[in-house]
Amino acid sequence: MTNLFDLTGKTALVTGSSQGIGYALAEGLASHGARIVLNGRSPDKLAAAAAALKTEGHDAHAALFDVTDPDAVQAAIAKIEADIGPIDILINNAGMQHRAPLEDFPHDQWDALLKTNVTSVFYVAQAVARFMLGRGHGKIVNIASATSELARFSVAPYTAAKGAVRNLTRGMATDWAAKGLQVNAIAPGYFRTPLNKALIEDEKFTAWLEARTPAGRWGDLDELKGAAIFLASDAASFVNGHTLYVDGGLTISL
C-alpha cells in the first residue's frame, strides 16, 4: 500500500515555490521521489530554493516566469516539457495578499490580487493540462484557503479570490476528470508563512486564533505536505473536484 504514495519518476511543477507553502509542498513531493520544478519571479530566491533542495539530495530545477503573463506561462510550460520532462503534477500555489478596509481597498490592488490568485491558476492549469490531456493522465492541485469558506475583516478581495479557486477547481475537474486528470484543492488554515507575517506579529490576533481554532495553535508548514502527497499520488485516483481543508478544525467549529 505504501506504493500508492510513491512519486518516483514523476515531475512536479510548483508555482510560487521559492519560500513558504510552495517550498514546503515541493519539499514534501521531493521526499516521495518527485523531480521538482520550482517557480518564482525572483532569480536569487528561486536559485537559493533550488540549491536547498539539491543539498537535501533532491532532483530540483528552477523555472523563472511570471504566472500572471499568459504568453510567458505557455512558453515556460513548453520549455519544461521539452527540457526537463513531462509535467505529471502541477501545484498552483502562487499568491499574494493585501489587507485594507473594503471601502478603501485600492483598485490596482484588487486587480493585482485577482490576477495573481485566480487568473494565474487558470493560465498555468490550462497550459499544463493541454499536455496532460494528450497523455491521458495528470494531477493538478490548486491552493485555496480557509477563506474559500469563511470571510474575515480587511481581506474581502482575497476571500473572493480563494472562493473562486475552490469553484474553478470544481470546474476543471468537471471538464477534465473523464480525460484522466484529477483536479483538487488544498485549503490551508493559518500557517506561519511570510504571507502571514503581519498576523504572526500581532499578539492579539494570535491569541484570538489559538482560542478560535479547535487545535489551539498555528499550523506548521510540514503539516501541509501529507495532503499534497496524497492528492498528487495514485492514492487519490478517484478523488476529483475536492477541497481538502487543512486548518486544525477552524472551518468546522463555531
C-alpha atoms as a PDB file:
ATOM      1  CA  MET A   1       0.000   0.000   0.000  1.00  0.00           C
ATOM      2  CA  THR A   2       2.906   2.393   0.565  1.00  0.00           C
ATOM      3  CA  ASN A   3       3.494   2.347  -3.210  1.00  0.00           C
ATOM      4  CA  LEU A   4       0.283   4.332  -3.582  1.00  0.00           C
ATOM      5  CA  PHE A   5       2.180   7.386  -2.352  1.00  0.00           C
ATOM      6  CA  ASP A   6       5.366   6.806  -4.364  1.00  0.00           C
ATOM      7  CA  LEU A   7       6.095   9.701  -6.733  1.00  0.00           C
ATOM      8  CA  THR A   8       9.352   8.312  -8.136  1.00  0.00           C
ATOM      9  CA  GLY A   9       9.760   9.227 -11.786  1.00  0.00           C
ATOM     10  CA  LYS A  10       7.127  11.962 -11.643  1.00  0.00           C
ATOM     11  CA  THR A  11       7.839  15.594 -12.487  1.00  0.00           C
ATOM     12  CA  ALA A  12       6.085  18.205 -10.360  1.00  0.00           C
ATOM     13  CA  LEU A  13       5.820  21.919 -11.097  1.00  0.00           C
ATOM     14  CA  VAL A  14       5.043  24.054  -8.034  1.00  0.00           C
ATOM     15  CA  THR A  15       4.311  27.731  -8.680  1.00  0.00           C
ATOM     16  CA  GLY A  16       5.321  30.382  -6.165  1.00  0.00           C
ATOM     17  CA  SER A  17       7.685  27.926  -4.522  1.00  0.00           C
ATOM     18  CA  SER A  18      10.800  29.862  -3.562  1.00  0.00           C
ATOM     19  CA  GLN A  19       9.514  30.133   0.030  1.00  0.00           C
ATOM     20  CA  GLY A  20       6.600  29.441   2.358  1.00  0.00           C
ATOM     21  CA  ILE A  21       3.851  26.980   1.499  1.00  0.00           C
ATOM     22  CA  GLY A  22       5.068  26.431  -2.053  1.00  0.00           C
ATOM     23  CA  TYR A  23       8.560  25.446  -0.964  1.00  0.00           C
ATOM     24  CA  ALA A  24       7.213  23.168   1.779  1.00  0.00           C
ATOM     25  CA  LEU A  25       4.939  21.361  -0.687  1.00  0.00           C
ATOM     26  CA  ALA A  26       7.795  20.988  -3.181  1.00  0.00           C
ATOM     27  CA  GLU A  27       9.971  19.541  -0.426  1.00  0.00           C
ATOM     28  CA  GLY A  28       7.196  17.115   0.525  1.00  0.00           C
ATOM     29  CA  LEU A  29       6.754  15.840  -3.030  1.00  0.00           C
ATOM     30  CA  ALA A  30      10.522  15.539  -3.441  1.00  0.00           C
ATOM     31  CA  SER A  31      10.721  13.424  -0.272  1.00  0.00           C
ATOM     32  CA  HIS A  32       8.470  10.886  -2.020  1.00  0.00           C
ATOM     33  CA  GLY A  33      10.607  10.741  -5.142  1.00  0.00           C
ATOM     34  CA  ALA A  34       9.296  13.504  -7.410  1.00  0.00           C
ATOM     35  CA  ARG A  35      11.517  15.595  -9.635  1.00  0.00           C
ATOM     36  CA  ILE A  36      10.735  19.208  -8.693  1.00  0.00           C
ATOM     37  CA  VAL A  37      10.447  22.302 -10.863  1.00  0.00           C
ATOM     38  CA  LEU A  38      10.330  25.392  -8.665  1.00  0.00           C
ATOM     39  CA  ASN A  39       8.820  28.617  -9.954  1.00  0.00           C
ATOM     40  CA  GLY A  40       9.049  32.243  -8.911  1.00  0.00           C
ATOM     41  CA  ARG A  41       9.821  35.761 -10.121  1.00  0.00           C
ATOM     42  CA  SER A  42      12.931  36.496  -8.038  1.00  0.00           C
ATOM     43  CA  PRO A  43      16.039  34.902  -9.591  1.00  0.00           C
ATOM     44  CA  ASP A  44      18.021  34.968  -6.348  1.00  0.00           C
ATOM     45  CA  LYS A  45      15.303  33.491  -4.145  1.00  0.00           C
ATOM     46  CA  LEU A  46      14.464  30.848  -6.734  1.00  0.00           C
ATOM     47  CA  ALA A  47      18.114  29.826  -7.141  1.00  0.00           C
ATOM     48  CA  ALA A  48      18.528  29.595  -3.369  1.00  0.00           C
ATOM     49  CA  ALA A  49      15.425  27.413  -3.031  1.00  0.00           C
ATOM     50  CA  ALA A  50      16.571  25.047  -5.784  1.00  0.00           C
ATOM     51  CA  ALA A  51      20.025  24.844  -4.210  1.00  0.00           C
ATOM     52  CA  ALA A  52      18.483  23.995  -0.829  1.00  0.00           C
ATOM     53  CA  LEU A  53      16.509  21.098  -2.319  1.00  0.00           C
ATOM     54  CA  LYS A  54      19.600  19.836  -4.130  1.00  0.00           C
ATOM     55  CA  THR A  55      21.538  19.972  -0.872  1.00  0.00           C
ATOM     56  CA  GLU A  56      18.920  17.611   0.572  1.00  0.00           C
ATOM     57  CA  GLY A  57      19.630  15.215  -2.290  1.00  0.00           C
ATOM     58  CA  HIS A  58      16.574  16.002  -4.413  1.00  0.00           C
ATOM     59  CA  ASP A  59      16.317  16.478  -8.166  1.00  0.00           C
ATOM     60  CA  ALA A  60      15.355  20.151  -8.411  1.00  0.00           C
ATOM     61  CA  HIS A  61      15.112  22.670 -11.243  1.00  0.00           C
ATOM     62  CA  ALA A  62      14.171  26.346 -11.427  1.00  0.00           C
ATOM     63  CA  ALA A  63      11.719  27.937 -13.866  1.00  0.00           C
ATOM     64  CA  LEU A  64      11.723  31.727 -13.717  1.00  0.00           C
ATOM     65  CA  PHE A  65       8.459  33.075 -15.143  1.00  0.00           C
ATOM     66  CA  ASP A  66       5.512  35.288 -14.229  1.00  0.00           C
ATOM     67  CA  VAL A  67       2.367  33.197 -13.720  1.00  0.00           C
ATOM     68  CA  THR A  68       0.179  36.246 -14.487  1.00  0.00           C
ATOM     69  CA  ASP A  69       1.585  36.599 -18.022  1.00  0.00           C
ATOM     70  CA  PRO A  70      -0.184  34.098 -20.328  1.00  0.00           C
ATOM     71  CA  ASP A  71       2.475  34.205 -23.036  1.00  0.00           C
ATOM     72  CA  ALA A  72       5.268  33.675 -20.511  1.00  0.00           C
ATOM     73  CA  VAL A  73       3.328  30.805 -18.954  1.00  0.00           C
ATOM     74  CA  GLN A  74       2.831  28.985 -22.256  1.00  0.00           C
ATOM     75  CA  ALA A  75       6.471  29.430 -23.242  1.00  0.00           C
ATOM     76  CA  ALA A  76       7.721  28.240 -19.845  1.00  0.00           C
ATOM     77  CA  ILE A  77       5.493  25.147 -19.769  1.00  0.00           C
ATOM     78  CA  ALA A  78       6.597  24.170 -23.272  1.00  0.00           C
ATOM     79  CA  LYS A  79      10.240  24.602 -22.239  1.00  0.00           C
ATOM     80  CA  ILE A  80       9.823  22.489 -19.084  1.00  0.00           C
ATOM     81  CA  GLU A  81       8.126  19.738 -21.096  1.00  0.00           C
ATOM     82  CA  ALA A  82      10.913  19.767 -23.687  1.00  0.00           C
ATOM     83  CA  ASP A  83      13.975  20.233 -21.448  1.00  0.00           C
ATOM     84  CA  ILE A  84      13.092  18.628 -18.096  1.00  0.00           C
ATOM     85  CA  GLY A  85      10.279  16.199 -18.794  1.00  0.00           C
ATOM     86  CA  PRO A  86       6.517  15.763 -18.960  1.00  0.00           C
ATOM     87  CA  ILE A  87       4.740  17.538 -16.112  1.00  0.00           C
ATOM     88  CA  ASP A  88       2.821  14.875 -14.182  1.00  0.00           C
ATOM     89  CA  ILE A  89       1.883  17.049 -11.205  1.00  0.00           C
ATOM     90  CA  LEU A  90       1.033  20.743 -11.023  1.00  0.00           C
ATOM     91  CA  ILE A  91       0.577  22.598  -7.758  1.00  0.00           C
ATOM     92  CA  ASN A  92      -0.862  26.077  -8.330  1.00  0.00           C
ATOM     93  CA  ASN A  93       0.397  27.875  -5.245  1.00  0.00           C
ATOM     94  CA  ALA A  94       1.442  31.382  -6.363  1.00  0.00           C
ATOM     95  CA  GLY A  95      -0.479  34.013  -4.439  1.00  0.00           C
ATOM     96  CA  MET A  96      -0.443  37.416  -2.774  1.00  0.00           C
ATOM     97  CA  GLN A  97      -2.257  39.245  -0.001  1.00  0.00           C
ATOM     98  CA  HIS A  98      -3.215  42.875   0.620  1.00  0.00           C
ATOM     99  CA  ARG A  99      -5.162  43.964   3.690  1.00  0.00           C
ATOM    100  CA  ALA A 100      -7.333  47.085   3.818  1.00  0.00           C
ATOM    101  CA  PRO A 101     -10.895  48.028   4.772  1.00  0.00           C
ATOM    102  CA  LEU A 102     -13.087  47.184   1.795  1.00  0.00           C
ATOM    103  CA  GLU A 103     -14.353  50.744   1.367  1.00  0.00           C
ATOM    104  CA  ASP A 104     -10.748  51.927   0.972  1.00  0.00           C
ATOM    105  CA  PHE A 105      -9.367  48.944  -0.939  1.00  0.00           C
ATOM    106  CA  PRO A 106      -7.218  50.274  -3.838  1.00  0.00           C
ATOM    107  CA  HIS A 107      -8.463  49.283  -7.274  1.00  0.00           C
ATOM    108  CA  ASP A 108      -4.977  48.428  -8.508  1.00  0.00           C
ATOM    109  CA  GLN A 109      -4.519  46.041  -5.578  1.00  0.00           C
ATOM    110  CA  TRP A 110      -7.867  44.396  -6.341  1.00  0.00           C
ATOM    111  CA  ASP A 111      -6.725  43.810  -9.925  1.00  0.00           C
ATOM    112  CA  ALA A 112      -3.312  42.507  -8.871  1.00  0.00           C
ATOM    113  CA  LEU A 113      -4.756  40.212  -6.221  1.00  0.00           C
ATOM    114  CA  LEU A 114      -7.335  38.648  -8.545  1.00  0.00           C
ATOM    115  CA  LYS A 115      -4.796  38.243 -11.325  1.00  0.00           C
ATOM    116  CA  THR A 116      -2.241  36.584  -9.056  1.00  0.00           C
ATOM    117  CA  ASN A 117      -4.584  34.406  -7.009  1.00  0.00           C
ATOM    118  CA  VAL A 118      -7.182  33.350  -9.613  1.00  0.00           C
ATOM    119  CA  THR A 119      -6.200  34.196 -13.175  1.00  0.00           C
ATOM    120  CA  SER A 120      -2.775  32.601 -12.807  1.00  0.00           C
ATOM    121  CA  VAL A 121      -4.403  29.350 -11.694  1.00  0.00           C
ATOM    122  CA  PHE A 122      -6.350  29.303 -14.955  1.00  0.00           C
ATOM    123  CA  TYR A 123      -3.347  30.259 -17.103  1.00  0.00           C
ATOM    124  CA  VAL A 124      -0.970  27.659 -15.681  1.00  0.00           C
ATOM    125  CA  ALA A 125      -3.500  24.840 -15.361  1.00  0.00           C
ATOM    126  CA  GLN A 126      -4.709  25.362 -18.914  1.00  0.00           C
ATOM    127  CA  ALA A 127      -1.170  25.344 -20.326  1.00  0.00           C
ATOM    128  CA  VAL A 128      -0.186  22.230 -18.362  1.00  0.00           C
ATOM    129  CA  ALA A 129      -3.482  20.436 -18.994  1.00  0.00           C
ATOM    130  CA  ARG A 130      -3.013  20.662 -22.751  1.00  0.00           C
ATOM    131  CA  PHE A 131      -0.013  18.357 -22.362  1.00  0.00           C
ATOM    132  CA  MET A 132      -1.598  16.175 -19.671  1.00  0.00           C
ATOM    133  CA  LEU A 133      -4.747  15.602 -21.727  1.00  0.00           C
ATOM    134  CA  GLY A 134      -2.654  14.330 -24.617  1.00  0.00           C
ATOM    135  CA  ARG A 135      -1.131  11.743 -22.302  1.00  0.00           C
ATOM    136  CA  GLY A 136      -4.426  10.848 -20.620  1.00  0.00           C
ATOM    137  CA  HIS A 137      -3.265  11.456 -17.041  1.00  0.00           C
ATOM    138  CA  GLY A 138      -2.175  14.185 -14.647  1.00  0.00           C
ATOM    139  CA  LYS A 139      -2.634  15.686 -11.204  1.00  0.00           C
ATOM    140  CA  ILE A 140      -3.490  19.329 -10.575  1.00  0.00           C
ATOM    141  CA  VAL A 141      -3.658  20.683  -7.034  1.00  0.00           C
ATOM    142  CA  ASN A 142      -4.794  24.270  -6.547  1.00  0.00           C
ATOM    143  CA  ILE A 143      -4.092  26.063  -3.285  1.00  0.00           C
ATOM    144  CA  ALA A 144      -7.304  27.503  -1.890  1.00  0.00           C
ATOM    145  CA  SER A 145      -7.733  28.743   1.697  1.00  0.00           C
ATOM    146  CA  ALA A 146      -9.906  28.617   4.773  1.00  0.00           C
ATOM    147  CA  THR A 147     -11.163  31.913   3.348  1.00  0.00           C
ATOM    148  CA  SER A 148     -12.620  29.916   0.467  1.00  0.00           C
ATOM    149  CA  GLU A 149     -15.272  29.140   3.074  1.00  0.00           C
ATOM    150  CA  LEU A 150     -15.130  31.985   5.607  1.00  0.00           C
ATOM    151  CA  ALA A 151     -14.646  35.748   5.406  1.00  0.00           C
ATOM    152  CA  ARG A 152     -12.576  37.964   7.667  1.00  0.00           C
ATOM    153  CA  PHE A 153     -12.247  41.738   8.074  1.00  0.00           C
ATOM    154  CA  SER A 154      -9.911  43.541   5.650  1.00  0.00           C
ATOM    155  CA  VAL A 155      -9.406  40.628   3.195  1.00  0.00           C
ATOM    156  CA  ALA A 156     -12.661  40.542   1.216  1.00  0.00           C
ATOM    157  CA  PRO A 157     -10.883  40.508  -2.191  1.00  0.00           C
ATOM    158  CA  TYR A 158      -8.648  37.641  -1.038  1.00  0.00           C
ATOM    159  CA  THR A 159     -11.774  35.810   0.158  1.00  0.00           C
ATOM    160  CA  ALA A 160     -13.378  36.355  -3.237  1.00  0.00           C
ATOM    161  CA  ALA A 161     -10.271  35.062  -4.991  1.00  0.00           C
ATOM    162  CA  LYS A 162      -9.926  31.942  -2.896  1.00  0.00           C
ATOM    163  CA  GLY A 163     -13.629  31.205  -3.219  1.00  0.00           C
ATOM    164  CA  ALA A 164     -13.110  31.392  -6.970  1.00  0.00           C
ATOM    165  CA  VAL A 165     -10.180  28.968  -6.746  1.00  0.00           C
ATOM    166  CA  ARG A 166     -12.398  26.435  -4.985  1.00  0.00           C
ATOM    167  CA  ASN A 167     -15.066  26.665  -7.685  1.00  0.00           C
ATOM    168  CA  LEU A 168     -12.539  26.792 -10.530  1.00  0.00           C
ATOM    169  CA  THR A 169     -11.152  23.527  -9.143  1.00  0.00           C
ATOM    170  CA  ARG A 170     -14.631  22.013  -9.422  1.00  0.00           C
ATOM    171  CA  GLY A 171     -14.957  23.311 -12.965  1.00  0.00           C
ATOM    172  CA  MET A 172     -11.601  21.889 -14.011  1.00  0.00           C
ATOM    173  CA  ALA A 173     -12.492  18.508 -12.548  1.00  0.00           C
ATOM    174  CA  THR A 174     -15.837  18.546 -14.332  1.00  0.00           C
ATOM    175  CA  ASP A 175     -14.174  19.228 -17.687  1.00  0.00           C
ATOM    176  CA  TRP A 176     -11.123  17.008 -17.324  1.00  0.00           C
ATOM    177  CA  ALA A 177     -11.904  14.067 -14.991  1.00  0.00           C
ATOM    178  CA  ALA A 178     -13.170  11.802 -17.783  1.00  0.00           C
ATOM    179  CA  LYS A 179      -9.958  12.517 -19.688  1.00  0.00           C
ATOM    180  CA  GLY A 180      -7.698  11.142 -16.943  1.00  0.00           C
ATOM    181  CA  LEU A 181      -6.927  14.191 -14.827  1.00  0.00           C
ATOM    182  CA  GLN A 182      -7.542  14.565 -11.108  1.00  0.00           C
ATOM    183  CA  VAL A 183      -8.007  18.211 -10.088  1.00  0.00           C
ATOM    184  CA  ASN A 184      -8.352  19.021  -6.395  1.00  0.00           C
ATOM    185  CA  ALA A 185      -7.538  21.796  -3.951  1.00  0.00           C
ATOM    186  CA  ILE A 186      -5.876  22.166  -0.570  1.00  0.00           C
ATOM    187  CA  ALA A 187      -7.316  24.854   1.696  1.00  0.00           C
ATOM    188  CA  PRO A 188      -4.830  25.778   4.423  1.00  0.00           C
ATOM    189  CA  GLY A 189      -5.922  27.475   7.608  1.00  0.00           C
ATOM    190  CA  TYR A 190      -3.489  29.792   9.376  1.00  0.00           C
ATOM    191  CA  PHE A 191       0.146  28.775   8.939  1.00  0.00           C
ATOM    192  CA  ARG A 192       3.361  30.541   9.850  1.00  0.00           C
ATOM    193  CA  THR A 193       4.397  31.885   6.431  1.00  0.00           C
ATOM    194  CA  PRO A 194       5.832  35.144   5.037  1.00  0.00           C
ATOM    195  CA  LEU A 195       2.338  35.963   3.711  1.00  0.00           C
ATOM    196  CA  ASN A 196       1.032  35.939   7.290  1.00  0.00           C
ATOM    197  CA  LYS A 197       3.909  37.958   8.767  1.00  0.00           C
ATOM    198  CA  ALA A 198       1.669  40.833   9.897  1.00  0.00           C
ATOM    199  CA  LEU A 199      -0.703  38.464  11.671  1.00  0.00           C
ATOM    200  CA  ILE A 200       2.058  36.419  13.282  1.00  0.00           C
ATOM    201  CA  GLU A 201       3.488  39.592  14.806  1.00  0.00           C
ATOM    202  CA  ASP A 202       0.072  40.625  16.121  1.00  0.00           C
ATOM    203  CA  GLU A 203      -0.188  39.137  19.633  1.00  0.00           C
ATOM    204  CA  LYS A 204      -3.891  39.914  19.840  1.00  0.00           C
ATOM    205  CA  PHE A 205      -4.584  38.061  16.585  1.00  0.00           C
ATOM    206  CA  THR A 206      -2.530  35.049  17.655  1.00  0.00           C
ATOM    207  CA  ALA A 207      -4.425  34.861  20.930  1.00  0.00           C
ATOM    208  CA  TRP A 208      -7.713  35.027  19.004  1.00  0.00           C
ATOM    209  CA  LEU A 209      -6.575  32.360  16.542  1.00  0.00           C
ATOM    210  CA  GLU A 210      -5.465  29.964  19.256  1.00  0.00           C
ATOM    211  CA  ALA A 211      -8.814  30.360  21.012  1.00  0.00           C
ATOM    212  CA  ARG A 212     -10.812  30.104  17.774  1.00  0.00           C
ATOM    213  CA  THR A 213      -9.084  27.039  16.277  1.00  0.00           C
ATOM    214  CA  PRO A 214     -10.012  23.660  17.842  1.00  0.00           C
ATOM    215  CA  ALA A 215      -6.363  22.557  17.560  1.00  0.00           C
ATOM    216  CA  GLY A 216      -5.412  25.649  19.575  1.00  0.00           C
ATOM    217  CA  ARG A 217      -2.434  26.814  17.522  1.00  0.00           C
ATOM    218  CA  TRP A 218      -0.956  27.999  14.225  1.00  0.00           C
ATOM    219  CA  GLY A 219      -0.244  25.288  11.659  1.00  0.00           C
ATOM    220  CA  ASP A 220       3.259  24.021  10.878  1.00  0.00           C
ATOM    221  CA  LEU A 221       4.217  24.036   7.192  1.00  0.00           C
ATOM    222  CA  ASP A 222       5.256  20.382   7.409  1.00  0.00           C
ATOM    223  CA  GLU A 223       1.625  19.579   8.209  1.00  0.00           C
ATOM    224  CA  LEU A 224       0.595  20.520   4.667  1.00  0.00           C
ATOM    225  CA  LYS A 225       2.923  18.060   2.973  1.00  0.00           C
ATOM    226  CA  GLY A 226       0.806  14.949   3.529  1.00  0.00           C
ATOM    227  CA  ALA A 227      -2.222  16.476   1.820  1.00  0.00           C
ATOM    228  CA  ALA A 228      -0.157  17.383  -1.250  1.00  0.00           C
ATOM    229  CA  ILE A 229       1.488  13.965  -1.417  1.00  0.00           C
ATOM    230  CA  PHE A 230      -1.918  12.262  -1.198  1.00  0.00           C
ATOM    231  CA  LEU A 231      -3.571  14.366  -3.899  1.00  0.00           C
ATOM    232  CA  ALA A 232      -0.532  14.077  -6.179  1.00  0.00           C
ATOM    233  CA  SER A 233      -0.317  10.300  -5.849  1.00  0.00           C
ATOM    234  CA  ASP A 234      -2.151   7.198  -7.065  1.00  0.00           C
ATOM    235  CA  ALA A 235      -3.874   7.095  -3.673  1.00  0.00           C
ATOM    236  CA  ALA A 236      -6.174   9.880  -4.947  1.00  0.00           C
ATOM    237  CA  SER A 237      -7.027   8.255  -8.295  1.00  0.00           C
ATOM    238  CA  PHE A 238     -10.803   8.627  -7.735  1.00  0.00           C
ATOM    239  CA  VAL A 239     -10.724  11.949  -5.876  1.00  0.00           C
ATOM    240  CA  ASN A 240     -11.811  14.817  -8.091  1.00  0.00           C
ATOM    241  CA  GLY A 241     -13.056  18.366  -7.524  1.00  0.00           C
ATOM    242  CA  HIS A 242     -12.482  18.077  -3.779  1.00  0.00           C
ATOM    243  CA  THR A 243     -11.199  20.823  -1.486  1.00  0.00           C
ATOM    244  CA  LEU A 244      -9.228  19.386   1.428  1.00  0.00           C
ATOM    245  CA  TYR A 245      -9.206  21.754   4.412  1.00  0.00           C
ATOM    246  CA  VAL A 246      -6.015  21.555   6.484  1.00  0.00           C
ATOM    247  CA  ASP A 247      -6.915  24.041   9.186  1.00  0.00           C
ATOM    248  CA  GLY A 248      -6.896  22.460  12.638  1.00  0.00           C
ATOM    249  CA  GLY A 249     -10.703  22.401  12.581  1.00  0.00           C
ATOM    250  CA  LEU A 250     -11.138  26.151  12.036  1.00  0.00           C
ATOM    251  CA  THR A 251     -13.856  25.870   9.381  1.00  0.00           C
ATOM    252  CA  ILE A 252     -15.980  23.269  11.178  1.00  0.00           C
ATOM    253  CA  SER A 253     -16.324  24.864  14.584  1.00  0.00           C
ATOM    254  CA  LEU A 254     -18.077  27.967  15.913  1.00  0.00           C
END
